[in-house]
Amino acid sequence: MFNLIANNNRIISTSQTYASVENAKVGIESIRKNCSSHVEDQTVEGYEVLKHPKYEVYLDVAGNPRFRLKASNGEIIAASEAYSSKSSCMNGIRSVADHAPDAEIVIDDELSEE
């Protein structure tokens, strides 16, 4: 798995778990490719369902806004932590779009030995 980290060292989003470092690198490239996708706001009644790739903004079971980024095949490639407000969640999406294209890839030393 991997995390996308902002300049302030906060985690913006987390990936799914991958079977190998190489598969995780494919996931990273998918986020880079899809990070400028449209946003489907599922917190609004009667929201328009968008085609993949897209971000989905939704409320978790505790009522906190979160987002997930889905690739063109509908698979979740990144997910956020809970936010205190929808505007903060939307800022998180903008941060993914800003940071993902040029993010440095750092591989944990233990993983690189496998």
C-alpha atoms as a PDB file:
ATOM      1  CA  MET A   1       0.000   0.000   0.000  1.00  0.00           C
ATOM      2  CA  PHE A   2       1.038   3.600  -0.276  1.00  0.00           C
ATOM      3  CA  ASN A   3       0.094   7.004   1.048  1.00  0.00           C
ATOM      4  CA  LEU A   4       0.058  10.294  -0.816  1.00  0.00           C
ATOM      5  CA  ILE A   5       1.621  12.858   1.510  1.00  0.00           C
ATOM      6  CA  ALA A   6       1.283  16.634   1.246  1.00  0.00           C
ATOM      7  CA  ASN A   7       4.106  19.130   1.737  1.00  0.00           C
ATOM      8  CA  ASN A   8       3.062  19.484   5.403  1.00  0.00           C
ATOM      9  CA  ASN A   9       3.673  15.717   5.865  1.00  0.00           C
ATOM     10  CA  ARG A  10      -0.029  14.957   6.336  1.00  0.00           C
ATOM     11  CA  ILE A  11      -1.514  11.944   4.601  1.00  0.00           C
ATOM     12  CA  ILE A  12      -3.917  13.049   1.868  1.00  0.00           C
ATOM     13  CA  SER A  13      -5.012   9.602   0.718  1.00  0.00           C
ATOM     14  CA  THR A  14      -4.249   5.912   1.145  1.00  0.00           C
ATOM     15  CA  SER A  15      -4.271   3.149  -1.445  1.00  0.00           C
ATOM     16  CA  GLN A  16      -5.579  -0.363  -1.300  1.00  0.00           C
ATOM     17  CA  THR A  17      -3.193  -3.154  -0.312  1.00  0.00           C
ATOM     18  CA  TYR A  18      -1.148  -4.552  -3.190  1.00  0.00           C
ATOM     19  CA  ALA A  19       0.516  -7.958  -3.572  1.00  0.00           C
ATOM     20  CA  SER A  20       3.853  -6.432  -4.632  1.00  0.00           C
ATOM     21  CA  VAL A  21       5.797  -3.183  -4.860  1.00  0.00           C
ATOM     22  CA  GLU A  22       5.488  -3.363  -8.655  1.00  0.00           C
ATOM     23  CA  ASN A  23       1.693  -3.560  -8.408  1.00  0.00           C
ATOM     24  CA  ALA A  24       1.719  -0.587  -6.020  1.00  0.00           C
ATOM     25  CA  LYS A  25       3.721   1.386  -8.599  1.00  0.00           C
ATOM     26  CA  VAL A  26       0.983   0.661 -11.157  1.00  0.00           C
ATOM     27  CA  GLY A  27      -1.520   2.018  -8.616  1.00  0.00           C
ATOM     28  CA  ILE A  28       0.565   5.172  -8.184  1.00  0.00           C
ATOM     29  CA  GLU A  29       0.550   5.740 -11.928  1.00  0.00           C
ATOM     30  CA  SER A  30      -3.220   5.249 -11.980  1.00  0.00           C
ATOM     31  CA  ILE A  31      -3.642   7.973  -9.348  1.00  0.00           C
ATOM     32  CA  ARG A  32      -1.360  10.275 -11.335  1.00  0.00           C
ATOM     33  CA  LYS A  33      -3.438   9.592 -14.454  1.00  0.00           C
ATOM     34  CA  ASN A  34      -6.829  10.075 -12.749  1.00  0.00           C
ATOM     35  CA  CYS A  35      -6.109  12.768 -10.146  1.00  0.00           C
ATOM     36  CA  SER A  36      -7.798  15.517 -12.162  1.00  0.00           C
ATOM     37  CA  SER A  37     -11.128  13.690 -12.419  1.00  0.00           C
ATOM     38  CA  HIS A  38     -14.543  15.220 -11.787  1.00  0.00           C
ATOM     39  CA  VAL A  39     -16.202  15.087  -8.354  1.00  0.00           C
ATOM     40  CA  GLU A  40     -19.456  13.247  -7.700  1.00  0.00           C
ATOM     41  CA  ASP A  41     -20.922  14.718  -4.507  1.00  0.00           C
ATOM     42  CA  GLN A  42     -22.959  11.917  -2.984  1.00  0.00           C
ATOM     43  CA  THR A  43     -23.805  14.065   0.046  1.00  0.00           C
ATOM     44  CA  VAL A  44     -26.347  15.987  -2.049  1.00  0.00           C
ATOM     45  CA  GLU A  45     -29.787  14.492  -2.547  1.00  0.00           C
ATOM     46  CA  GLY A  46     -30.411  13.639  -6.210  1.00  0.00           C
ATOM     47  CA  TYR A  47     -26.726  13.946  -7.139  1.00  0.00           C
ATOM     48  CA  GLU A  48     -25.693  13.273 -10.729  1.00  0.00           C
ATOM     49  CA  VAL A  49     -23.942   9.932 -11.186  1.00  0.00           C
ATOM     50  CA  LEU A  50     -20.743  10.527 -13.165  1.00  0.00           C
ATOM     51  CA  LYS A  51     -18.754   8.097 -15.301  1.00  0.00           C
ATOM     52  CA  HIS A  52     -15.449   6.710 -14.039  1.00  0.00           C
ATOM     53  CA  PRO A  53     -12.801   7.911 -13.393  1.00  0.00           C
ATOM     54  CA  LYS A  54     -14.130  10.152 -10.644  1.00  0.00           C
ATOM     55  CA  TYR A  55     -13.867  11.239  -7.057  1.00  0.00           C
ATOM     56  CA  GLU A  56     -16.799  10.330  -4.847  1.00  0.00           C
ATOM     57  CA  VAL A  57     -17.517  12.522  -1.843  1.00  0.00           C
ATOM     58  CA  TYR A  58     -19.680  10.703   0.697  1.00  0.00           C
ATOM     59  CA  LEU A  59     -20.529  10.587   4.399  1.00  0.00           C
ATOM     60  CA  ASP A  60     -19.132   7.716   6.454  1.00  0.00           C
ATOM     61  CA  VAL A  61     -21.142   5.893   9.146  1.00  0.00           C
ATOM     62  CA  ALA A  62     -20.223   8.608  11.668  1.00  0.00           C
ATOM     63  CA  GLY A  63     -21.493  11.323   9.300  1.00  0.00           C
ATOM     64  CA  ASN A  64     -18.039  12.637   8.397  1.00  0.00           C
ATOM     65  CA  PRO A  65     -17.169  13.581   4.799  1.00  0.00           C
ATOM     66  CA  ARG A  66     -14.638  11.425   2.977  1.00  0.00           C
ATOM     67  CA  PHE A  67     -13.561  10.952  -0.614  1.00  0.00           C
ATOM     68  CA  ARG A  68     -12.435   8.058  -2.737  1.00  0.00           C
ATOM     69  CA  LEU A  69     -10.882   8.181  -6.184  1.00  0.00           C
ATOM     70  CA  LYS A  70     -12.077   5.537  -8.615  1.00  0.00           C
ATOM     71  CA  ALA A  71     -10.219   4.538 -11.777  1.00  0.00           C
ATOM     72  CA  SER A  72     -11.862   4.129 -15.181  1.00  0.00           C
ATOM     73  CA  ASN A  73     -12.684   0.499 -14.287  1.00  0.00           C
ATOM     74  CA  GLY A  74     -14.536   1.614 -11.123  1.00  0.00           C
ATOM     75  CA  GLU A  75     -11.874   0.289  -8.742  1.00  0.00           C
ATOM     76  CA  ILE A  76     -11.050   2.446  -5.717  1.00  0.00           C
ATOM     77  CA  ILE A  77      -7.440   3.570  -6.106  1.00  0.00           C
ATOM     78  CA  ALA A  78      -7.275   6.081  -3.236  1.00  0.00           C
ATOM     79  CA  ALA A  79      -9.331   6.875  -0.167  1.00  0.00           C
ATOM     80  CA  SER A  80      -9.220   9.689   2.356  1.00  0.00           C
ATOM     81  CA  GLU A  81      -9.484   9.826   6.090  1.00  0.00           C
ATOM     82  CA  ALA A  82     -12.545  11.462   7.657  1.00  0.00           C
ATOM     83  CA  TYR A  83     -12.804  15.244   7.448  1.00  0.00           C
ATOM     84  CA  SER A  84     -14.574  17.626   9.813  1.00  0.00           C
ATOM     85  CA  SER A  85     -16.333  19.444   6.956  1.00  0.00           C
ATOM     86  CA  LYS A  86     -17.155  18.995   3.286  1.00  0.00           C
ATOM     87  CA  SER A  87     -15.049  22.037   2.376  1.00  0.00           C
ATOM     88  CA  SER A  88     -12.021  20.382   4.019  1.00  0.00           C
ATOM     89  CA  CYS A  89     -12.788  17.209   2.079  1.00  0.00           C
ATOM     90  CA  MET A  90     -12.908  19.178  -1.181  1.00  0.00           C
ATOM     91  CA  ASN A  91      -9.565  20.769  -0.251  1.00  0.00           C
ATOM     92  CA  GLY A  92      -8.212  17.231   0.162  1.00  0.00           C
ATOM     93  CA  ILE A  93      -9.298  16.387  -3.381  1.00  0.00           C
ATOM     94  CA  ARG A  94      -7.587  19.535  -4.688  1.00  0.00           C
ATOM     95  CA  SER A  95      -4.488  18.532  -2.760  1.00  0.00           C
ATOM     96  CA  VAL A  96      -4.438  15.105  -4.457  1.00  0.00           C
ATOM     97  CA  ALA A  97      -4.689  16.814  -7.849  1.00  0.00           C
ATOM     98  CA  ASP A  98      -1.894  19.217  -6.889  1.00  0.00           C
ATOM     99  CA  HIS A  99       0.514  16.694  -5.340  1.00  0.00           C
ATOM    100  CA  ALA A 100       0.000  13.380  -7.149  1.00  0.00           C
ATOM    101  CA  PRO A 101       1.484  14.255 -10.566  1.00  0.00           C
ATOM    102  CA  ASP A 102       4.952  15.043  -9.187  1.00  0.00           C
ATOM    103  CA  ALA A 103       4.960  13.148  -5.892  1.00  0.00           C
ATOM    104  CA  GLU A 104       8.230  11.494  -4.955  1.00  0.00           C
ATOM    105  CA  ILE A 105       8.033   7.715  -4.605  1.00  0.00           C
ATOM    106  CA  VAL A 106       9.732   6.480  -1.437  1.00  0.00           C
ATOM    107  CA  ILE A 107       9.901   2.719  -0.948  1.00  0.00           C
ATOM    108  CA  ASP A 108      10.283   1.314   2.556  1.00  0.00           C
ATOM    109  CA  ASP A 109      13.705  -0.382   2.837  1.00  0.00           C
ATOM    110  CA  GLU A 110      12.102  -3.599   4.098  1.00  0.00           C
ATOM    111  CA  LEU A 111       9.891  -3.783   1.000  1.00  0.00           C
ATOM    112  CA  SER A 112      12.684  -3.092  -1.460  1.00  0.00           C
ATOM    113  CA  GLU A 113      14.535  -6.188  -0.219  1.00  0.00           C
ATOM    114  CA  GLU A 114      11.630  -8.530  -1.072  1.00  0.00           C
END
